[in-house]
Amino acid sequence: MKRTANYPISSALLNRWSPRALSGETLSDAELMPLFEAARWAPSSYNGQPWRFVYAKRDSAAWDTLFGLMVEFNQSWAKNAAALVVVVSRTTFEHNGELSVTHSFDCGAAWENLALEAEARGLVAHGMQGFDYGKAKSELGVPEDYSVECMIAIGKPGKKEDLPKDLQEREFPSDRKPLEDIIMEGKFRA
């Protein structure tokens, strides 16, 4: 399926999607660290940069811990990732300790930067929510003033034929809701 935008936008945005087919190949630090560097440059309220990334590369001591956080469905395909990442955000500002109501929003901007950098480099970055948030907070030693946001599987693209049969049918870039369903001029409507 070829994606088509209603208005001209950057091809980097239009072509980014979240495949599950991963090759199982490892990534060097030279391949992985630029994704975190891209995330580092995201905008944030008061330039607080609340995002934190806890990662484990394939065959590292921490891999089993992060892999064990995921639900079985995500384990079925993420087992071929080169790296797993738990994204965490600080819920308070460092400069004054007050609540940051935009910490999740800011963290989402960092995730998007990471995803776009992965796409630009021909890598897969698939964000997911199918994991145990409480277990992640506990097992990774995440402090109380931080919130676990999501997980990401990162790797080199694989073959959709290597996925479980039911996932092969879903392995294509999805479309989006029509623009008129997500924008409202002047007042919210459901």
C-alpha atoms as a PDB file:
ATOM      1  CA  MET A   1       0.000   0.000   0.000  1.00  0.00           C
ATOM      2  CA  LYS A   2       1.380   3.383  -0.984  1.00  0.00           C
ATOM      3  CA  ARG A   3       0.529   6.176   1.404  1.00  0.00           C
ATOM      4  CA  THR A   4      -0.865   9.402   0.001  1.00  0.00           C
ATOM      5  CA  ALA A   5      -1.132  12.656   1.919  1.00  0.00           C
ATOM      6  CA  ASN A   6      -3.965  15.101   1.255  1.00  0.00           C
ATOM      7  CA  TYR A   7      -1.490  17.984   1.352  1.00  0.00           C
ATOM      8  CA  PRO A   8       2.227  18.012   0.523  1.00  0.00           C
ATOM      9  CA  ILE A   9       4.327  16.942   3.523  1.00  0.00           C
ATOM     10  CA  SER A  10       7.861  15.676   4.048  1.00  0.00           C
ATOM     11  CA  SER A  11       8.421  12.176   2.701  1.00  0.00           C
ATOM     12  CA  ALA A  12      10.166  11.350   6.007  1.00  0.00           C
ATOM     13  CA  LEU A  13       6.830  11.789   7.778  1.00  0.00           C
ATOM     14  CA  LEU A  14       4.765  10.035   5.125  1.00  0.00           C
ATOM     15  CA  ASN A  15       7.082   7.019   4.832  1.00  0.00           C
ATOM     16  CA  ARG A  16       7.640   6.399   8.565  1.00  0.00           C
ATOM     17  CA  TRP A  17       5.712   3.405   9.842  1.00  0.00           C
ATOM     18  CA  SER A  18       6.120   0.696  12.462  1.00  0.00           C
ATOM     19  CA  PRO A  19       6.988  -2.646  10.905  1.00  0.00           C
ATOM     20  CA  ARG A  20       7.351  -5.709  13.112  1.00  0.00           C
ATOM     21  CA  ALA A  21       9.601  -7.677  10.759  1.00  0.00           C
ATOM     22  CA  LEU A  22      13.133  -7.414  12.125  1.00  0.00           C
ATOM     23  CA  SER A  23      16.220  -9.221  10.851  1.00  0.00           C
ATOM     24  CA  GLY A  24      17.760 -10.282  14.177  1.00  0.00           C
ATOM     25  CA  GLU A  25      21.050  -8.619  13.209  1.00  0.00           C
ATOM     26  CA  THR A  26      22.926  -6.660  15.853  1.00  0.00           C
ATOM     27  CA  LEU A  27      23.455  -2.894  15.745  1.00  0.00           C
ATOM     28  CA  SER A  28      26.732  -1.251  16.630  1.00  0.00           C
ATOM     29  CA  ASP A  29      26.826   1.791  18.892  1.00  0.00           C
ATOM     30  CA  ALA A  30      27.639   3.823  15.763  1.00  0.00           C
ATOM     31  CA  GLU A  31      24.268   2.703  14.346  1.00  0.00           C
ATOM     32  CA  LEU A  32      22.207   2.933  17.546  1.00  0.00           C
ATOM     33  CA  MET A  33      23.464   6.061  19.328  1.00  0.00           C
ATOM     34  CA  PRO A  34      22.439   8.523  16.554  1.00  0.00           C
ATOM     35  CA  LEU A  35      18.814   7.570  17.266  1.00  0.00           C
ATOM     36  CA  PHE A  36      19.187   8.658  20.894  1.00  0.00           C
ATOM     37  CA  GLU A  37      21.073  11.759  19.741  1.00  0.00           C
ATOM     38  CA  ALA A  38      18.110  12.682  17.524  1.00  0.00           C
ATOM     39  CA  ALA A  39      15.765  12.212  20.490  1.00  0.00           C
ATOM     40  CA  ARG A  40      17.991  14.463  22.598  1.00  0.00           C
ATOM     41  CA  TRP A  41      17.235  17.428  20.320  1.00  0.00           C
ATOM     42  CA  ALA A  42      13.444  17.318  20.719  1.00  0.00           C
ATOM     43  CA  PRO A  43      11.632  20.408  22.054  1.00  0.00           C
ATOM     44  CA  SER A  44      10.343  20.426  25.630  1.00  0.00           C
ATOM     45  CA  SER A  45       8.661  22.715  28.135  1.00  0.00           C
ATOM     46  CA  TYR A  46      11.243  24.971  29.823  1.00  0.00           C
ATOM     47  CA  ASN A  47      13.835  22.936  27.898  1.00  0.00           C
ATOM     48  CA  GLY A  48      13.425  20.381  30.698  1.00  0.00           C
ATOM     49  CA  GLN A  49      14.197  17.374  28.468  1.00  0.00           C
ATOM     50  CA  PRO A  50      12.280  14.949  30.718  1.00  0.00           C
ATOM     51  CA  TRP A  51      12.906  11.861  28.555  1.00  0.00           C
ATOM     52  CA  ARG A  52      15.149   9.007  29.603  1.00  0.00           C
ATOM     53  CA  PHE A  53      15.897   5.846  27.630  1.00  0.00           C
ATOM     54  CA  VAL A  54      16.768   2.544  29.326  1.00  0.00           C
ATOM     55  CA  TYR A  55      18.045   0.208  26.627  1.00  0.00           C
ATOM     56  CA  ALA A  56      19.437  -3.275  26.154  1.00  0.00           C
ATOM     57  CA  LYS A  57      21.185  -4.562  23.074  1.00  0.00           C
ATOM     58  CA  ARG A  58      20.668  -8.122  21.868  1.00  0.00           C
ATOM     59  CA  ASP A  59      22.872 -10.616  23.732  1.00  0.00           C
ATOM     60  CA  SER A  60      23.626  -8.148  26.543  1.00  0.00           C
ATOM     61  CA  ALA A  61      23.132  -8.906  30.224  1.00  0.00           C
ATOM     62  CA  ALA A  62      20.084  -6.593  30.375  1.00  0.00           C
ATOM     63  CA  TRP A  63      18.297  -8.050  27.311  1.00  0.00           C
ATOM     64  CA  ASP A  64      16.340 -10.697  29.239  1.00  0.00           C
ATOM     65  CA  THR A  65      15.095  -8.136  31.749  1.00  0.00           C
ATOM     66  CA  LEU A  66      13.661  -5.828  29.072  1.00  0.00           C
ATOM     67  CA  PHE A  67      12.420  -8.718  26.930  1.00  0.00           C
ATOM     68  CA  GLY A  68      10.651 -10.194  29.956  1.00  0.00           C
ATOM     69  CA  LEU A  69       8.612  -7.008  30.411  1.00  0.00           C
ATOM     70  CA  MET A  70       6.700  -7.494  27.150  1.00  0.00           C
ATOM     71  CA  VAL A  71       3.452  -9.374  26.666  1.00  0.00           C
ATOM     72  CA  GLU A  72       3.749 -12.628  24.723  1.00  0.00           C
ATOM     73  CA  PHE A  73       2.332 -11.052  21.543  1.00  0.00           C
ATOM     74  CA  ASN A  74       5.125  -8.457  21.403  1.00  0.00           C
ATOM     75  CA  GLN A  75       7.749 -11.041  22.358  1.00  0.00           C
ATOM     76  CA  SER A  76       6.707 -13.088  19.304  1.00  0.00           C
ATOM     77  CA  TRP A  77       8.131 -10.491  16.912  1.00  0.00           C
ATOM     78  CA  ALA A  78      10.409  -8.280  19.078  1.00  0.00           C
ATOM     79  CA  LYS A  79      12.640 -11.288  19.745  1.00  0.00           C
ATOM     80  CA  ASN A  80      14.378 -10.289  16.484  1.00  0.00           C
ATOM     81  CA  ALA A  81      15.114  -6.706  17.562  1.00  0.00           C
ATOM     82  CA  ALA A  82      18.695  -5.505  17.891  1.00  0.00           C
ATOM     83  CA  ALA A  83      17.775  -3.326  20.879  1.00  0.00           C
ATOM     84  CA  LEU A  84      14.862  -2.858  23.250  1.00  0.00           C
ATOM     85  CA  VAL A  85      14.195   0.473  24.903  1.00  0.00           C
ATOM     86  CA  VAL A  86      11.989   1.539  27.794  1.00  0.00           C
ATOM     87  CA  VAL A  87      11.107   5.225  27.547  1.00  0.00           C
ATOM     88  CA  VAL A  88      10.688   7.080  30.821  1.00  0.00           C
ATOM     89  CA  SER A  89       9.826  10.723  31.533  1.00  0.00           C
ATOM     90  CA  ARG A  90      10.467  12.877  34.565  1.00  0.00           C
ATOM     91  CA  THR A  91       7.112  14.144  35.891  1.00  0.00           C
ATOM     92  CA  THR A  92       8.584  17.183  37.664  1.00  0.00           C
ATOM     93  CA  PHE A  93      10.875  19.968  36.498  1.00  0.00           C
ATOM     94  CA  GLU A  94      14.485  19.717  37.607  1.00  0.00           C
ATOM     95  CA  HIS A  95      14.787  23.495  38.046  1.00  0.00           C
ATOM     96  CA  ASN A  96      11.983  23.866  40.617  1.00  0.00           C
ATOM     97  CA  GLY A  97      10.542  20.406  41.433  1.00  0.00           C
ATOM     98  CA  GLU A  98       7.049  21.410  40.281  1.00  0.00           C
ATOM     99  CA  LEU A  99       4.777  19.129  38.279  1.00  0.00           C
ATOM    100  CA  SER A 100       5.351  19.181  34.525  1.00  0.00           C
ATOM    101  CA  VAL A 101       1.960  18.627  32.938  1.00  0.00           C
ATOM    102  CA  THR A 102       3.620  18.222  29.521  1.00  0.00           C
ATOM    103  CA  HIS A 103       6.225  15.574  30.432  1.00  0.00           C
ATOM    104  CA  SER A 104       4.480  12.854  28.395  1.00  0.00           C
ATOM    105  CA  PHE A 105       3.914  15.240  25.486  1.00  0.00           C
ATOM    106  CA  ASP A 106       7.569  16.269  25.523  1.00  0.00           C
ATOM    107  CA  CYS A 107       8.662  12.642  25.747  1.00  0.00           C
ATOM    108  CA  GLY A 108       6.489  11.878  22.710  1.00  0.00           C
ATOM    109  CA  ALA A 109       8.389  14.506  20.738  1.00  0.00           C
ATOM    110  CA  ALA A 110      11.667  12.779  21.639  1.00  0.00           C
ATOM    111  CA  TRP A 111      10.238   9.406  20.579  1.00  0.00           C
ATOM    112  CA  GLU A 112       9.157  10.894  17.248  1.00  0.00           C
ATOM    113  CA  ASN A 113      12.651  12.289  16.646  1.00  0.00           C
ATOM    114  CA  LEU A 114      14.093   8.831  17.359  1.00  0.00           C
ATOM    115  CA  ALA A 115      11.577   7.175  15.015  1.00  0.00           C
ATOM    116  CA  LEU A 116      12.251   9.634  12.194  1.00  0.00           C
ATOM    117  CA  GLU A 117      16.014   9.228  12.553  1.00  0.00           C
ATOM    118  CA  ALA A 118      15.598   5.452  12.422  1.00  0.00           C
ATOM    119  CA  GLU A 119      13.513   5.751   9.251  1.00  0.00           C
ATOM    120  CA  ALA A 120      16.108   8.058   7.668  1.00  0.00           C
ATOM    121  CA  ARG A 121      18.802   5.465   8.392  1.00  0.00           C
ATOM    122  CA  GLY A 122      16.802   2.533   7.023  1.00  0.00           C
ATOM    123  CA  LEU A 123      16.156   1.091  10.493  1.00  0.00           C
ATOM    124  CA  VAL A 124      12.970  -0.017  12.232  1.00  0.00           C
ATOM    125  CA  ALA A 125      11.777   1.696  15.421  1.00  0.00           C
ATOM    126  CA  HIS A 126       8.490   0.218  16.611  1.00  0.00           C
ATOM    127  CA  GLY A 127       6.881   1.799  19.680  1.00  0.00           C
ATOM    128  CA  MET A 128       4.573  -0.306  21.844  1.00  0.00           C
ATOM    129  CA  GLN A 129       2.496  -0.317  24.982  1.00  0.00           C
ATOM    130  CA  GLY A 130       2.141  -4.091  25.376  1.00  0.00           C
ATOM    131  CA  PHE A 131       4.329  -4.629  28.441  1.00  0.00           C
ATOM    132  CA  ASP A 132       4.112  -4.541  32.239  1.00  0.00           C
ATOM    133  CA  TYR A 133       4.558  -0.899  33.279  1.00  0.00           C
ATOM    134  CA  GLY A 134       4.731  -1.623  37.006  1.00  0.00           C
ATOM    135  CA  LYS A 135       7.285  -4.373  36.530  1.00  0.00           C
ATOM    136  CA  ALA A 136       9.334  -2.045  34.302  1.00  0.00           C
ATOM    137  CA  LYS A 137       9.329   0.648  36.976  1.00  0.00           C
ATOM    138  CA  SER A 138      10.351  -1.840  39.657  1.00  0.00           C
ATOM    139  CA  GLU A 139      12.892  -3.962  37.769  1.00  0.00           C
ATOM    140  CA  LEU A 140      14.593  -0.993  36.115  1.00  0.00           C
ATOM    141  CA  GLY A 141      14.784   1.062  39.320  1.00  0.00           C
ATOM    142  CA  VAL A 142      12.736   3.967  37.966  1.00  0.00           C
ATOM    143  CA  PRO A 143      12.293   6.631  40.707  1.00  0.00           C
ATOM    144  CA  GLU A 144       8.849   7.763  41.895  1.00  0.00           C
ATOM    145  CA  ASP A 145       9.008  11.123  40.098  1.00  0.00           C
ATOM    146  CA  TYR A 146       9.399   9.394  36.719  1.00  0.00           C
ATOM    147  CA  SER A 147       6.714   7.772  34.587  1.00  0.00           C
ATOM    148  CA  VAL A 148       7.215   4.764  32.318  1.00  0.00           C
ATOM    149  CA  GLU A 149       5.839   5.809  28.910  1.00  0.00           C
ATOM    150  CA  CYS A 150       6.404   3.067  26.326  1.00  0.00           C
ATOM    151  CA  MET A 151       8.806   0.510  24.887  1.00  0.00           C
ATOM    152  CA  ILE A 152      10.558   0.553  21.526  1.00  0.00           C
ATOM    153  CA  ALA A 153      11.973  -2.320  19.493  1.00  0.00           C
ATOM    154  CA  ILE A 154      14.802  -1.193  17.207  1.00  0.00           C
ATOM    155  CA  GLY A 155      16.563  -3.126  14.490  1.00  0.00           C
ATOM    156  CA  LYS A 156      17.277  -3.722  10.858  1.00  0.00           C
ATOM    157  CA  PRO A 157      14.320  -4.549   8.630  1.00  0.00           C
ATOM    158  CA  GLY A 158      13.505  -8.224   8.254  1.00  0.00           C
ATOM    159  CA  LYS A 159      11.265 -10.308   6.012  1.00  0.00           C
ATOM    160  CA  LYS A 160       7.569 -10.328   6.702  1.00  0.00           C
ATOM    161  CA  GLU A 161       7.575 -14.066   5.930  1.00  0.00           C
ATOM    162  CA  ASP A 162       9.576 -14.599   9.130  1.00  0.00           C
ATOM    163  CA  LEU A 163       6.750 -13.191  11.256  1.00  0.00           C
ATOM    164  CA  PRO A 164       3.986 -15.361  12.739  1.00  0.00           C
ATOM    165  CA  LYS A 165       1.308 -15.929  10.070  1.00  0.00           C
ATOM    166  CA  ASP A 166      -1.289 -13.596  11.626  1.00  0.00           C
ATOM    167  CA  LEU A 167       1.221 -10.725  11.722  1.00  0.00           C
ATOM    168  CA  GLN A 168       2.278 -11.179   8.105  1.00  0.00           C
ATOM    169  CA  GLU A 169      -1.177 -10.026   7.010  1.00  0.00           C
ATOM    170  CA  ARG A 170      -0.791  -6.789   9.014  1.00  0.00           C
ATOM    171  CA  GLU A 171       2.768  -5.958   7.887  1.00  0.00           C
ATOM    172  CA  PHE A 172       2.171  -2.883   5.722  1.00  0.00           C
ATOM    173  CA  PRO A 173       2.050   0.895   6.281  1.00  0.00           C
ATOM    174  CA  SER A 174      -1.376   1.817   7.609  1.00  0.00           C
ATOM    175  CA  ASP A 175      -3.457   4.780   6.514  1.00  0.00           C
ATOM    176  CA  ARG A 176      -4.599   7.570   8.813  1.00  0.00           C
ATOM    177  CA  LYS A 177      -7.957   9.018   9.827  1.00  0.00           C
ATOM    178  CA  PRO A 178      -9.223  11.735   7.499  1.00  0.00           C
ATOM    179  CA  LEU A 179      -8.019  15.218   8.381  1.00  0.00           C
ATOM    180  CA  GLU A 180     -11.582  16.410   8.989  1.00  0.00           C
ATOM    181  CA  ASP A 181     -11.896  13.817  11.794  1.00  0.00           C
ATOM    182  CA  ILE A 182      -8.965  15.219  13.784  1.00  0.00           C
ATOM    183  CA  ILE A 183      -9.115  18.993  13.352  1.00  0.00           C
ATOM    184  CA  MET A 184     -11.808  21.325  14.680  1.00  0.00           C
ATOM    185  CA  GLU A 185     -11.936  25.031  14.142  1.00  0.00           C
ATOM    186  CA  GLY A 186     -12.953  27.041  17.189  1.00  0.00           C
ATOM    187  CA  LYS A 187     -14.537  24.321  19.328  1.00  0.00           C
ATOM    188  CA  PHE A 188     -14.118  20.655  20.136  1.00  0.00           C
ATOM    189  CA  ARG A 189     -16.537  18.162  18.613  1.00  0.00           C
ATOM    190  CA  ALA A 190     -16.674  14.406  19.152  1.00  0.00           C
END
